[in-house]
Amino acid sequence: MFSISDRSPPVVCFVGRPLDPLKGLITFLDAIERLLALAAPPTFSVWIVGGDVDEMGGIDGLLSTRPRMNALVIAGRMLLWGKVARHSLPEIYR
Protein backbone atom coordinates (compact mmCIF):
# COMPACT_ATOMS: atom_id res chain seq x y z
CA MET A 1 0.00 0.00 0.00
CA PHE A 2 1.28 3.49 -0.91
CA SER A 3 1.97 5.89 1.92
CA ILE A 4 2.83 9.56 1.83
CA SER A 5 5.91 8.67 3.88
CA ASP A 6 7.23 6.74 0.85
CA ARG A 7 7.83 10.04 -0.94
CA SER A 8 11.21 10.57 -2.44
CA PRO A 9 12.59 13.22 -2.42
CA PRO A 10 11.72 14.36 1.11
CA VAL A 11 8.84 16.79 1.51
CA VAL A 12 8.88 20.17 3.25
CA CYS A 13 5.29 20.95 4.18
CA PHE A 14 3.22 23.97 5.22
CA VAL A 15 -0.19 23.22 6.76
CA GLY A 16 -2.59 25.99 7.68
CA ARG A 17 -4.73 28.79 6.36
CA PRO A 18 -2.21 30.09 3.84
CA LEU A 19 -3.31 33.71 3.60
CA ASP A 20 -3.68 34.22 7.37
CA PRO A 21 -0.56 36.27 8.21
CA LEU A 22 -0.33 34.61 11.64
CA LYS A 23 0.23 31.22 9.99
CA GLY A 24 3.51 32.32 8.39
CA LEU A 25 3.28 31.24 4.76
CA ILE A 26 5.51 34.11 3.65
CA THR A 27 8.12 33.12 6.24
CA PHE A 28 7.86 29.52 5.01
CA LEU A 29 8.36 30.61 1.39
CA ASP A 30 11.32 32.80 2.41
CA ALA A 31 12.91 29.76 4.10
CA ILE A 32 12.37 27.61 1.00
CA GLU A 33 13.96 30.30 -1.15
CA ARG A 34 17.01 30.36 1.15
CA LEU A 35 17.37 26.59 0.75
CA LEU A 36 17.10 26.89 -3.02
CA ALA A 37 19.74 29.65 -3.05
CA LEU A 38 22.40 27.42 -1.48
CA ALA A 39 25.39 26.57 -3.67
CA ALA A 40 24.31 22.90 -3.56
CA PRO A 41 20.64 22.91 -2.54
CA PRO A 42 19.20 19.63 -1.27
CA THR A 43 16.57 17.91 -3.37
CA PHE A 44 13.12 18.18 -1.83
CA SER A 45 9.49 18.74 -2.72
CA VAL A 46 7.20 21.36 -1.22
CA TRP A 47 3.58 20.85 -0.23
CA ILE A 48 1.26 23.67 0.77
CA VAL A 49 -1.79 22.22 2.49
CA GLY A 50 -4.83 24.31 3.35
CA GLY A 51 -6.87 27.09 1.93
CA ASP A 52 -10.08 27.29 0.01
CA VAL A 53 -10.57 27.93 -3.69
CA ASP A 54 -10.41 31.71 -3.19
CA GLU A 55 -7.04 31.45 -1.41
CA MET A 56 -5.45 29.42 -4.20
CA GLY A 57 -5.29 32.54 -6.41
CA GLY A 58 -3.54 34.42 -3.61
CA ILE A 59 -1.00 31.62 -3.25
CA ASP A 60 -0.38 31.63 -6.99
CA GLY A 61 0.23 35.39 -6.75
CA LEU A 62 2.82 34.91 -3.99
CA LEU A 63 4.59 32.20 -5.97
CA SER A 64 4.61 34.12 -9.24
CA THR A 65 6.89 36.78 -7.75
CA ARG A 66 9.47 34.15 -6.76
CA PRO A 67 11.36 32.69 -9.75
CA ARG A 68 12.84 29.81 -7.74
CA MET A 69 9.35 28.82 -6.62
CA ASN A 70 8.16 28.86 -10.22
CA ALA A 71 11.00 26.49 -11.07
CA LEU A 72 9.75 24.09 -8.38
CA VAL A 73 6.22 24.25 -9.78
CA ILE A 74 7.43 23.66 -13.34
CA ALA A 75 9.58 20.73 -12.17
CA GLY A 76 6.55 19.19 -10.43
CA ARG A 77 8.21 19.54 -7.03
CA MET A 78 5.61 21.86 -5.51
CA LEU A 79 2.06 20.76 -4.79
CA LEU A 80 -0.79 22.98 -3.63
CA TRP A 81 -3.24 20.66 -1.90
CA GLY A 82 -5.88 23.19 -0.95
CA LYS A 83 -8.26 22.24 1.81
CA VAL A 84 -8.07 18.63 3.01
CA ALA A 85 -10.21 16.66 5.43
CA ARG A 86 -9.03 16.87 9.02
CA HIS A 87 -8.71 13.07 9.24
CA SER A 88 -6.12 13.21 6.42
CA LEU A 89 -3.71 15.45 8.32
CA PRO A 90 -1.93 12.74 10.36
CA GLU A 91 -0.90 10.97 7.16
CA ILE A 92 0.30 14.25 5.65
CA TYR A 93 2.29 15.09 8.80
CA ARG A 94 4.00 11.69 8.62
PDB file of N, CA and C in Angstrom:
ATOM      1  N   MET A   1       0.836  -1.184   0.000  1.00  0.00           N
ATOM      2  CA  MET A   1       0.000   0.000   0.000  1.00  0.00           C
ATOM      3  C   MET A   1       0.884   1.252   0.000  1.00  0.00           C
ATOM      4  N   PHE A   2       0.535   2.228  -0.809  1.00  0.00           N
ATOM      5  CA  PHE A   2       1.275   3.487  -0.905  1.00  0.00           C
ATOM      6  C   PHE A   2       1.041   4.320   0.346  1.00  0.00           C
ATOM      7  N   SER A   3       2.069   4.971   0.797  1.00  0.00           N
ATOM      8  CA  SER A   3       1.966   5.888   1.924  1.00  0.00           C
ATOM      9  C   SER A   3       2.670   7.179   1.553  1.00  0.00           C
ATOM     10  N   ILE A   4       2.179   8.273   2.074  1.00  0.00           N
ATOM     11  CA  ILE A   4       2.827   9.557   1.827  1.00  0.00           C
ATOM     12  C   ILE A   4       4.270   9.518   2.302  1.00  0.00           C
ATOM     13  N   SER A   5       4.550   8.734   3.354  1.00  0.00           N
ATOM     14  CA  SER A   5       5.915   8.672   3.881  1.00  0.00           C
ATOM     15  C   SER A   5       6.884   7.994   2.917  1.00  0.00           C
ATOM     16  N   ASP A   6       6.374   7.367   1.859  1.00  0.00           N
ATOM     17  CA  ASP A   6       7.230   6.745   0.853  1.00  0.00           C
ATOM     18  C   ASP A   6       7.776   7.761  -0.142  1.00  0.00           C
ATOM     19  N   ARG A   7       7.432   9.013   0.017  1.00  0.00           N
ATOM     20  CA  ARG A   7       7.831  10.041  -0.942  1.00  0.00           C
ATOM     21  C   ARG A   7       9.335  10.184  -1.009  1.00  0.00           C
ATOM     22  N   SER A   8       9.809  10.261  -2.210  1.00  0.00           N
ATOM     23  CA  SER A   8      11.208  10.567  -2.435  1.00  0.00           C
ATOM     24  C   SER A   8      11.211  11.545  -3.596  1.00  0.00           C
ATOM     25  N   PRO A   9      11.775  12.667  -3.494  1.00  0.00           N
ATOM     26  CA  PRO A   9      12.589  13.215  -2.415  1.00  0.00           C
ATOM     27  C   PRO A   9      11.744  13.586  -1.190  1.00  0.00           C
ATOM     28  N   PRO A  10      12.440  13.942  -0.099  1.00  0.00           N
ATOM     29  CA  PRO A  10      11.724  14.364   1.111  1.00  0.00           C
ATOM     30  C   PRO A  10      10.824  15.563   0.826  1.00  0.00           C
ATOM     31  N   VAL A  11       9.817  15.721   1.674  1.00  0.00           N
ATOM     32  CA  VAL A  11       8.836  16.792   1.512  1.00  0.00           C
ATOM     33  C   VAL A  11       8.965  17.800   2.652  1.00  0.00           C
ATOM     34  N   VAL A  12       8.966  19.075   2.289  1.00  0.00           N
ATOM     35  CA  VAL A  12       8.875  20.165   3.253  1.00  0.00           C
ATOM     36  C   VAL A  12       7.447  20.689   3.128  1.00  0.00           C
ATOM     37  N   CYS A  13       6.736  20.732   4.249  1.00  0.00           N
ATOM     38  CA  CYS A  13       5.291  20.954   4.179  1.00  0.00           C
ATOM     39  C   CYS A  13       4.835  22.125   5.041  1.00  0.00           C
ATOM     40  N   PHE A  14       3.935  22.919   4.484  1.00  0.00           N
ATOM     41  CA  PHE A  14       3.224  23.968   5.222  1.00  0.00           C
ATOM     42  C   PHE A  14       1.780  23.504   5.337  1.00  0.00           C
ATOM     43  N   VAL A  15       1.221  23.565   6.551  1.00  0.00           N
ATOM     44  CA  VAL A  15      -0.186  23.224   6.760  1.00  0.00           C
ATOM     45  C   VAL A  15      -0.826  24.360   7.535  1.00  0.00           C
ATOM     46  N   GLY A  16      -1.881  24.907   6.993  1.00  0.00           N
ATOM     47  CA  GLY A  16      -2.586  25.986   7.685  1.00  0.00           C
ATOM     48  C   GLY A  16      -3.394  26.817   6.706  1.00  0.00           C
ATOM     49  N   ARG A  17      -4.011  27.849   7.226  1.00  0.00           N
ATOM     50  CA  ARG A  17      -4.731  28.791   6.358  1.00  0.00           C
ATOM     51  C   ARG A  17      -3.671  29.677   5.716  1.00  0.00           C
ATOM     52  N   PRO A  18      -3.379  29.468   4.460  1.00  0.00           N
ATOM     53  CA  PRO A  18      -2.209  30.090   3.843  1.00  0.00           C
ATOM     54  C   PRO A  18      -2.196  31.612   3.823  1.00  0.00           C
ATOM     55  N   LEU A  19      -3.332  32.253   3.710  1.00  0.00           N
ATOM     56  CA  LEU A  19      -3.313  33.713   3.604  1.00  0.00           C
ATOM     57  C   LEU A  19      -3.540  34.407   4.938  1.00  0.00           C
ATOM     58  N   ASP A  20      -3.616  33.640   6.024  1.00  0.00           N
ATOM     59  CA  ASP A  20      -3.678  34.218   7.370  1.00  0.00           C
ATOM     60  C   ASP A  20      -2.250  34.581   7.769  1.00  0.00           C
ATOM     61  N   PRO A  21      -1.942  35.871   7.932  1.00  0.00           N
ATOM     62  CA  PRO A  21      -0.558  36.268   8.208  1.00  0.00           C
ATOM     63  C   PRO A  21       0.024  35.623   9.470  1.00  0.00           C
ATOM     64  N   LEU A  22      -0.822  35.250  10.413  1.00  0.00           N
ATOM     65  CA  LEU A  22      -0.335  34.612  11.636  1.00  0.00           C
ATOM     66  C   LEU A  22       0.189  33.197  11.393  1.00  0.00           C
ATOM     67  N   LYS A  23      -0.201  32.582  10.286  1.00  0.00           N
ATOM     68  CA  LYS A  23       0.233  31.215   9.993  1.00  0.00           C
ATOM     69  C   LYS A  23       1.632  31.159   9.397  1.00  0.00           C
ATOM     70  N   GLY A  24       2.107  32.244   8.806  1.00  0.00           N
ATOM     71  CA  GLY A  24       3.506  32.324   8.388  1.00  0.00           C
ATOM     72  C   GLY A  24       3.861  31.753   7.031  1.00  0.00           C
ATOM     73  N   LEU A  25       2.941  31.765   6.080  1.00  0.00           N
ATOM     74  CA  LEU A  25       3.280  31.238   4.757  1.00  0.00           C
ATOM     75  C   LEU A  25       4.426  32.025   4.121  1.00  0.00           C
ATOM     76  N   ILE A  26       4.439  33.316   4.261  1.00  0.00           N
ATOM     77  CA  ILE A  26       5.513  34.112   3.651  1.00  0.00           C
ATOM     78  C   ILE A  26       6.856  33.744   4.274  1.00  0.00           C
ATOM     79  N   THR A  27       6.888  33.553   5.579  1.00  0.00           N
ATOM     80  CA  THR A  27       8.121  33.117   6.240  1.00  0.00           C
ATOM     81  C   THR A  27       8.542  31.744   5.729  1.00  0.00           C
ATOM     82  N   PHE A  28       7.586  30.851   5.560  1.00  0.00           N
ATOM     83  CA  PHE A  28       7.858  29.521   5.013  1.00  0.00           C
ATOM     84  C   PHE A  28       8.465  29.632   3.612  1.00  0.00           C
ATOM     85  N   LEU A  29       7.852  30.451   2.756  1.00  0.00           N
ATOM     86  CA  LEU A  29       8.362  30.615   1.393  1.00  0.00           C
ATOM     87  C   LEU A  29       9.754  31.249   1.394  1.00  0.00           C
ATOM     88  N   ASP A  30       9.984  32.200   2.291  1.00  0.00           N
ATOM     89  CA  ASP A  30      11.321  32.799   2.413  1.00  0.00           C
ATOM     90  C   ASP A  30      12.354  31.728   2.772  1.00  0.00           C
ATOM     91  N   ALA A  31      11.994  30.829   3.688  1.00  0.00           N
ATOM     92  CA  ALA A  31      12.910  29.759   4.100  1.00  0.00           C
ATOM     93  C   ALA A  31      13.197  28.810   2.940  1.00  0.00           C
ATOM     94  N   ILE A  32      12.179  28.482   2.166  1.00  0.00           N
ATOM     95  CA  ILE A  32      12.369  27.607   1.001  1.00  0.00           C
ATOM     96  C   ILE A  32      13.300  28.286  -0.003  1.00  0.00           C
ATOM     97  N   GLU A  33      13.090  29.567  -0.222  1.00  0.00           N
ATOM     98  CA  GLU A  33      13.962  30.302  -1.150  1.00  0.00           C
ATOM     99  C   GLU A  33      15.414  30.295  -0.677  1.00  0.00           C
ATOM    100  N   ARG A  34      15.638  30.397   0.618  1.00  0.00           N
ATOM    101  CA  ARG A  34      17.013  30.355   1.149  1.00  0.00           C
ATOM    102  C   ARG A  34      17.639  28.991   0.881  1.00  0.00           C
ATOM    103  N   LEU A  35      16.857  27.938   1.059  1.00  0.00           N
ATOM    104  CA  LEU A  35      17.374  26.595   0.753  1.00  0.00           C
ATOM    105  C   LEU A  35      17.742  26.483  -0.727  1.00  0.00           C
ATOM    106  N   LEU A  36      16.858  26.990  -1.583  1.00  0.00           N
ATOM    107  CA  LEU A  36      17.099  26.895  -3.023  1.00  0.00           C
ATOM    108  C   LEU A  36      18.277  27.747  -3.478  1.00  0.00           C
ATOM    109  N   ALA A  37      18.628  28.760  -2.691  1.00  0.00           N
ATOM    110  CA  ALA A  37      19.738  29.651  -3.052  1.00  0.00           C
ATOM    111  C   ALA A  37      21.100  29.102  -2.635  1.00  0.00           C
ATOM    112  N   LEU A  38      21.120  28.001  -1.889  1.00  0.00           N
ATOM    113  CA  LEU A  38      22.397  27.416  -1.476  1.00  0.00           C
ATOM    114  C   LEU A  38      23.203  26.993  -2.699  1.00  0.00           C
ATOM    115  N   ALA A  39      24.520  26.969  -2.561  1.00  0.00           N
ATOM    116  CA  ALA A  39      25.385  26.565  -3.672  1.00  0.00           C
ATOM    117  C   ALA A  39      25.044  25.148  -4.148  1.00  0.00           C
ATOM    118  N   ALA A  40      24.712  24.271  -3.217  1.00  0.00           N
ATOM    119  CA  ALA A  40      24.307  22.901  -3.558  1.00  0.00           C
ATOM    120  C   ALA A  40      23.015  22.597  -2.789  1.00  0.00           C
ATOM    121  N   PRO A  41      21.881  23.100  -3.283  1.00  0.00           N
ATOM    122  CA  PRO A  41      20.636  22.907  -2.541  1.00  0.00           C
ATOM    123  C   PRO A  41      20.247  21.432  -2.479  1.00  0.00           C
ATOM    124  N   PRO A  42      19.674  21.013  -1.346  1.00  0.00           N
ATOM    125  CA  PRO A  42      19.199  19.629  -1.265  1.00  0.00           C
ATOM    126  C   PRO A  42      18.001  19.439  -2.187  1.00  0.00           C
ATOM    127  N   THR A  43      17.745  18.215  -2.556  1.00  0.00           N
ATOM    128  CA  THR A  43      16.573  17.912  -3.371  1.00  0.00           C
ATOM    129  C   THR A  43      15.399  17.649  -2.438  1.00  0.00           C
ATOM    130  N   PHE A  44      14.321  18.349  -2.651  1.00  0.00           N
ATOM    131  CA  PHE A  44      13.120  18.176  -1.829  1.00  0.00           C
ATOM    132  C   PHE A  44      11.913  18.661  -2.621  1.00  0.00           C
ATOM    133  N   SER A  45      10.751  18.246  -2.169  1.00  0.00           N
ATOM    134  CA  SER A  45       9.493  18.736  -2.716  1.00  0.00           C
ATOM    135  C   SER A  45       8.828  19.612  -1.675  1.00  0.00           C
ATOM    136  N   VAL A  46       7.918  20.457  -2.118  1.00  0.00           N
ATOM    137  CA  VAL A  46       7.202  21.362  -1.217  1.00  0.00           C
ATOM    138  C   VAL A  46       5.711  21.111  -1.373  1.00  0.00           C
ATOM    139  N   TRP A  47       5.042  20.955  -0.245  1.00  0.00           N
ATOM    140  CA  TRP A  47       3.583  20.848  -0.225  1.00  0.00           C
ATOM    141  C   TRP A  47       3.031  22.016   0.570  1.00  0.00           C
ATOM    142  N   ILE A  48       2.004  22.646   0.039  1.00  0.00           N
ATOM    143  CA  ILE A  48       1.264  23.667   0.770  1.00  0.00           C
ATOM    144  C   ILE A  48      -0.148  23.125   0.933  1.00  0.00           C
ATOM    145  N   VAL A  49      -0.520  22.866   2.176  1.00  0.00           N
ATOM    146  CA  VAL A  49      -1.792  22.224   2.489  1.00  0.00           C
ATOM    147  C   VAL A  49      -2.674  23.213   3.231  1.00  0.00           C
ATOM    148  N   GLY A  50      -3.862  23.421   2.709  1.00  0.00           N
ATOM    149  CA  GLY A  50      -4.827  24.305   3.352  1.00  0.00           C
ATOM    150  C   GLY A  50      -5.257  25.412   2.415  1.00  0.00           C
ATOM    151  N   GLY A  51      -6.364  25.983   2.737  1.00  0.00           N
ATOM    152  CA  GLY A  51      -6.868  27.088   1.926  1.00  0.00           C
ATOM    153  C   GLY A  51      -8.014  26.664   1.038  1.00  0.00           C
ATOM    154  N   ASP A  52      -8.942  27.569   0.876  1.00  0.00           N
ATOM    155  CA  ASP A  52     -10.083  27.286   0.014  1.00  0.00           C
ATOM    156  C   ASP A  52      -9.780  27.756  -1.412  1.00  0.00           C
ATOM    157  N   VAL A  53     -10.747  27.594  -2.265  1.00  0.00           N
ATOM    158  CA  VAL A  53     -10.573  27.927  -3.690  1.00  0.00           C
ATOM    159  C   VAL A  53     -10.156  29.392  -3.861  1.00  0.00           C
ATOM    160  N   ASP A  54     -10.746  30.287  -3.084  1.00  0.00           N
ATOM    161  CA  ASP A  54     -10.412  31.714  -3.194  1.00  0.00           C
ATOM    162  C   ASP A  54      -8.959  31.989  -2.811  1.00  0.00           C
ATOM    163  N   GLU A  55      -8.420  31.234  -1.855  1.00  0.00           N
ATOM    164  CA  GLU A  55      -7.045  31.452  -1.407  1.00  0.00           C
ATOM    165  C   GLU A  55      -6.016  30.926  -2.406  1.00  0.00           C
ATOM    166  N   MET A  56      -6.401  29.984  -3.239  1.00  0.00           N
ATOM    167  CA  MET A  56      -5.447  29.423  -4.196  1.00  0.00           C
ATOM    168  C   MET A  56      -4.902  30.501  -5.139  1.00  0.00           C
ATOM    169  N   GLY A  57      -5.755  31.437  -5.560  1.00  0.00           N
ATOM    170  CA  GLY A  57      -5.288  32.537  -6.406  1.00  0.00           C
ATOM    171  C   GLY A  57      -4.275  33.411  -5.687  1.00  0.00           C
ATOM    172  N   GLY A  58      -4.489  33.631  -4.401  1.00  0.00           N
ATOM    173  CA  GLY A  58      -3.536  34.417  -3.611  1.00  0.00           C
ATOM    174  C   GLY A  58      -2.200  33.710  -3.483  1.00  0.00           C
ATOM    175  N   ILE A  59      -2.238  32.400  -3.325  1.00  0.00           N
ATOM    176  CA  ILE A  59      -0.996  31.624  -3.248  1.00  0.00           C
ATOM    177  C   ILE A  59      -0.263  31.692  -4.580  1.00  0.00           C
ATOM    178  N   ASP A  60      -1.000  31.524  -5.666  1.00  0.00           N
ATOM    179  CA  ASP A  60      -0.381  31.634  -6.994  1.00  0.00           C
ATOM    180  C   ASP A  60       0.286  32.994  -7.166  1.00  0.00           C
ATOM    181  N   GLY A  61      -0.355  34.049  -6.665  1.00  0.00           N
ATOM    182  CA  GLY A  61       0.227  35.388  -6.748  1.00  0.00           C
ATOM    183  C   GLY A  61       1.536  35.490  -5.974  1.00  0.00           C
ATOM    184  N   LEU A  62       1.582  34.900  -4.785  1.00  0.00           N
ATOM    185  CA  LEU A  62       2.819  34.908  -3.994  1.00  0.00           C
ATOM    186  C   LEU A  62       3.930  34.142  -4.708  1.00  0.00           C
ATOM    187  N   LEU A  63       3.577  33.023  -5.301  1.00  0.00           N
ATOM    188  CA  LEU A  63       4.588  32.197  -5.973  1.00  0.00           C
ATOM    189  C   LEU A  63       5.096  32.834  -7.256  1.00  0.00           C
ATOM    190  N   SER A  64       4.223  33.552  -7.947  1.00  0.00           N
ATOM    191  CA  SER A  64       4.606  34.119  -9.245  1.00  0.00           C
ATOM    192  C   SER A  64       5.700  35.180  -9.125  1.00  0.00           C
ATOM    193  N   THR A  65       5.854  35.758  -7.946  1.00  0.00           N
ATOM    194  CA  THR A  65       6.888  36.777  -7.755  1.00  0.00           C
ATOM    195  C   THR A  65       8.218  36.177  -7.316  1.00  0.00           C
ATOM    196  N   ARG A  66       8.278  34.859  -7.242  1.00  0.00           N
ATOM    197  CA  ARG A  66       9.474  34.153  -6.756  1.00  0.00           C
ATOM    198  C   ARG A  66       9.945  33.164  -7.823  1.00  0.00           C
ATOM    199  N   PRO A  67      10.919  33.544  -8.632  1.00  0.00           N
ATOM    200  CA  PRO A  67      11.361  32.686  -9.747  1.00  0.00           C
ATOM    201  C   PRO A  67      11.779  31.274  -9.317  1.00  0.00           C
ATOM    202  N   ARG A  68      12.426  31.153  -8.177  1.00  0.00           N
ATOM    203  CA  ARG A  68      12.844  29.815  -7.737  1.00  0.00           C
ATOM    204  C   ARG A  68      11.631  28.942  -7.420  1.00  0.00           C
ATOM    205  N   MET A  69      10.588  29.562  -6.908  1.00  0.00           N
ATOM    206  CA  MET A  69       9.355  28.821  -6.621  1.00  0.00           C
ATOM    207  C   MET A  69       8.708  28.364  -7.924  1.00  0.00           C
ATOM    208  N   ASN A  70       8.714  29.243  -8.913  1.00  0.00           N
ATOM    209  CA  ASN A  70       8.161  28.862 -10.217  1.00  0.00           C
ATOM    210  C   ASN A  70       8.906  27.674 -10.795  1.00  0.00           C
ATOM    211  N   ALA A  71      10.214  27.627 -10.589  1.00  0.00           N
ATOM    212  CA  ALA A  71      11.001  26.487 -11.074  1.00  0.00           C
ATOM    213  C   ALA A  71      10.564  25.199 -10.386  1.00  0.00           C
ATOM    214  N   LEU A  72      10.247  25.279  -9.085  1.00  0.00           N
ATOM    215  CA  LEU A  72       9.748  24.090  -8.382  1.00  0.00           C
ATOM    216  C   LEU A  72       8.413  23.626  -8.953  1.00  0.00           C
ATOM    217  N   VAL A  73       7.538  24.591  -9.215  1.00  0.00           N
ATOM    218  CA  VAL A  73       6.223  24.254  -9.780  1.00  0.00           C
ATOM    219  C   VAL A  73       6.399  23.594 -11.139  1.00  0.00           C
ATOM    220  N   ILE A  74       7.214  24.196 -11.993  1.00  0.00           N
ATOM    221  CA  ILE A  74       7.430  23.661 -13.343  1.00  0.00           C
ATOM    222  C   ILE A  74       8.035  22.262 -13.283  1.00  0.00           C
ATOM    223  N   ALA A  75       8.932  22.042 -12.312  1.00  0.00           N
ATOM    224  CA  ALA A  75       9.580  20.731 -12.171  1.00  0.00           C
ATOM    225  C   ALA A  75       8.665  19.706 -11.501  1.00  0.00           C
ATOM    226  N   GLY A  76       7.468  20.112 -11.088  1.00  0.00           N
ATOM    227  CA  GLY A  76       6.555  19.190 -10.427  1.00  0.00           C
ATOM    228  C   GLY A  76       6.941  18.884  -8.990  1.00  0.00           C
ATOM    229  N   ARG A  77       7.742  19.760  -8.398  1.00  0.00           N
ATOM    230  CA  ARG A  77       8.214  19.539  -7.030  1.00  0.00           C
ATOM    231  C   ARG A  77       7.481  20.397  -6.009  1.00  0.00           C
ATOM    232  N   MET A  78       6.438  21.108  -6.442  1.00  0.00           N
ATOM    233  CA  MET A  78       5.606  21.860  -5.508  1.00  0.00           C
ATOM    234  C   MET A  78       4.155  21.489  -5.771  1.00  0.00           C
ATOM    235  N   LEU A  79       3.461  21.165  -4.692  1.00  0.00           N
ATOM    236  CA  LEU A  79       2.065  20.757  -4.793  1.00  0.00           C
ATOM    237  C   LEU A  79       1.219  21.613  -3.874  1.00  0.00           C
ATOM    238  N   LEU A  80       0.176  22.217  -4.422  1.00  0.00           N
ATOM    239  CA  LEU A  80      -0.791  22.982  -3.635  1.00  0.00           C
ATOM    240  C   LEU A  80      -1.998  22.085  -3.422  1.00  0.00           C
ATOM    241  N   TRP A  81      -2.168  21.600  -2.209  1.00  0.00           N
ATOM    242  CA  TRP A  81      -3.244  20.659  -1.901  1.00  0.00           C
ATOM    243  C   TRP A  81      -4.590  21.348  -1.759  1.00  0.00           C
ATOM    244  N   GLY A  82      -4.608  22.578  -1.299  1.00  0.00           N
ATOM    245  CA  GLY A  82      -5.876  23.193  -0.947  1.00  0.00           C
ATOM    246  C   GLY A  82      -6.388  22.582   0.348  1.00  0.00           C
ATOM    247  N   LYS A  83      -7.662  22.735   0.574  1.00  0.00           N
ATOM    248  CA  LYS A  83      -8.261  22.238   1.812  1.00  0.00           C
ATOM    249  C   LYS A  83      -8.344  20.716   1.783  1.00  0.00           C
ATOM    250  N   VAL A  84      -7.966  20.091   2.887  1.00  0.00           N
ATOM    251  CA  VAL A  84      -8.067  18.634   3.013  1.00  0.00           C
ATOM    252  C   VAL A  84      -8.896  18.304   4.249  1.00  0.00           C
ATOM    253  N   ALA A  85      -9.431  17.110   4.277  1.00  0.00           N
ATOM    254  CA  ALA A  85     -10.209  16.662   5.432  1.00  0.00           C
ATOM    255  C   ALA A  85      -9.297  16.534   6.644  1.00  0.00           C
ATOM    256  N   ARG A  86      -9.802  16.900   7.782  1.00  0.00           N
ATOM    257  CA  ARG A  86      -9.025  16.866   9.024  1.00  0.00           C
ATOM    258  C   ARG A  86      -8.449  15.475   9.285  1.00  0.00           C
ATOM    259  N   HIS A  87      -9.205  14.430   8.968  1.00  0.00           N
ATOM    260  CA  HIS A  87      -8.709  13.068   9.238  1.00  0.00           C
ATOM    261  C   HIS A  87      -7.520  12.688   8.336  1.00  0.00           C
ATOM    262  N   SER A  88      -7.261  13.464   7.301  1.00  0.00           N
ATOM    263  CA  SER A  88      -6.117  13.209   6.415  1.00  0.00           C
ATOM    264  C   SER A  88      -4.814  13.808   6.941  1.00  0.00           C
ATOM    265  N   LEU A  89      -4.910  14.733   7.861  1.00  0.00           N
ATOM    266  CA  LEU A  89      -3.715  15.450   8.324  1.00  0.00           C
ATOM    267  C   LEU A  89      -2.651  14.555   8.965  1.00  0.00           C
ATOM    268  N   PRO A  90      -3.004  13.571   9.797  1.00  0.00           N
ATOM    269  CA  PRO A  90      -1.929  12.736  10.364  1.00  0.00           C
ATOM    270  C   PRO A  90      -1.065  12.061   9.299  1.00  0.00           C
ATOM    271  N   GLU A  91      -1.672  11.599   8.232  1.00  0.00           N
ATOM    272  CA  GLU A  91      -0.901  10.969   7.161  1.00  0.00           C
ATOM    273  C   GLU A  91      -0.001  11.999   6.463  1.00  0.00           C
ATOM    274  N   ILE A  92      -0.504  13.191   6.269  1.00  0.00           N
ATOM    275  CA  ILE A  92       0.298  14.249   5.650  1.00  0.00           C
ATOM    276  C   ILE A  92       1.467  14.623   6.559  1.00  0.00           C
ATOM    277  N   TYR A  93       1.220  14.743   7.857  1.00  0.00           N
ATOM    278  CA  TYR A  93       2.293  15.091   8.797  1.00  0.00           C
ATOM    279  C   TYR A  93       3.379  14.019   8.831  1.00  0.00           C
ATOM    280  N   ARG A  94       2.987  12.770   8.645  1.00  0.00           N
ATOM    281  CA  ARG A  94       3.996  11.692   8.624  1.00  0.00           C
ATOM    282  C   ARG A  94       4.920  11.866   7.450  1.00  0.00           C
TER     283      ARG A  94
END
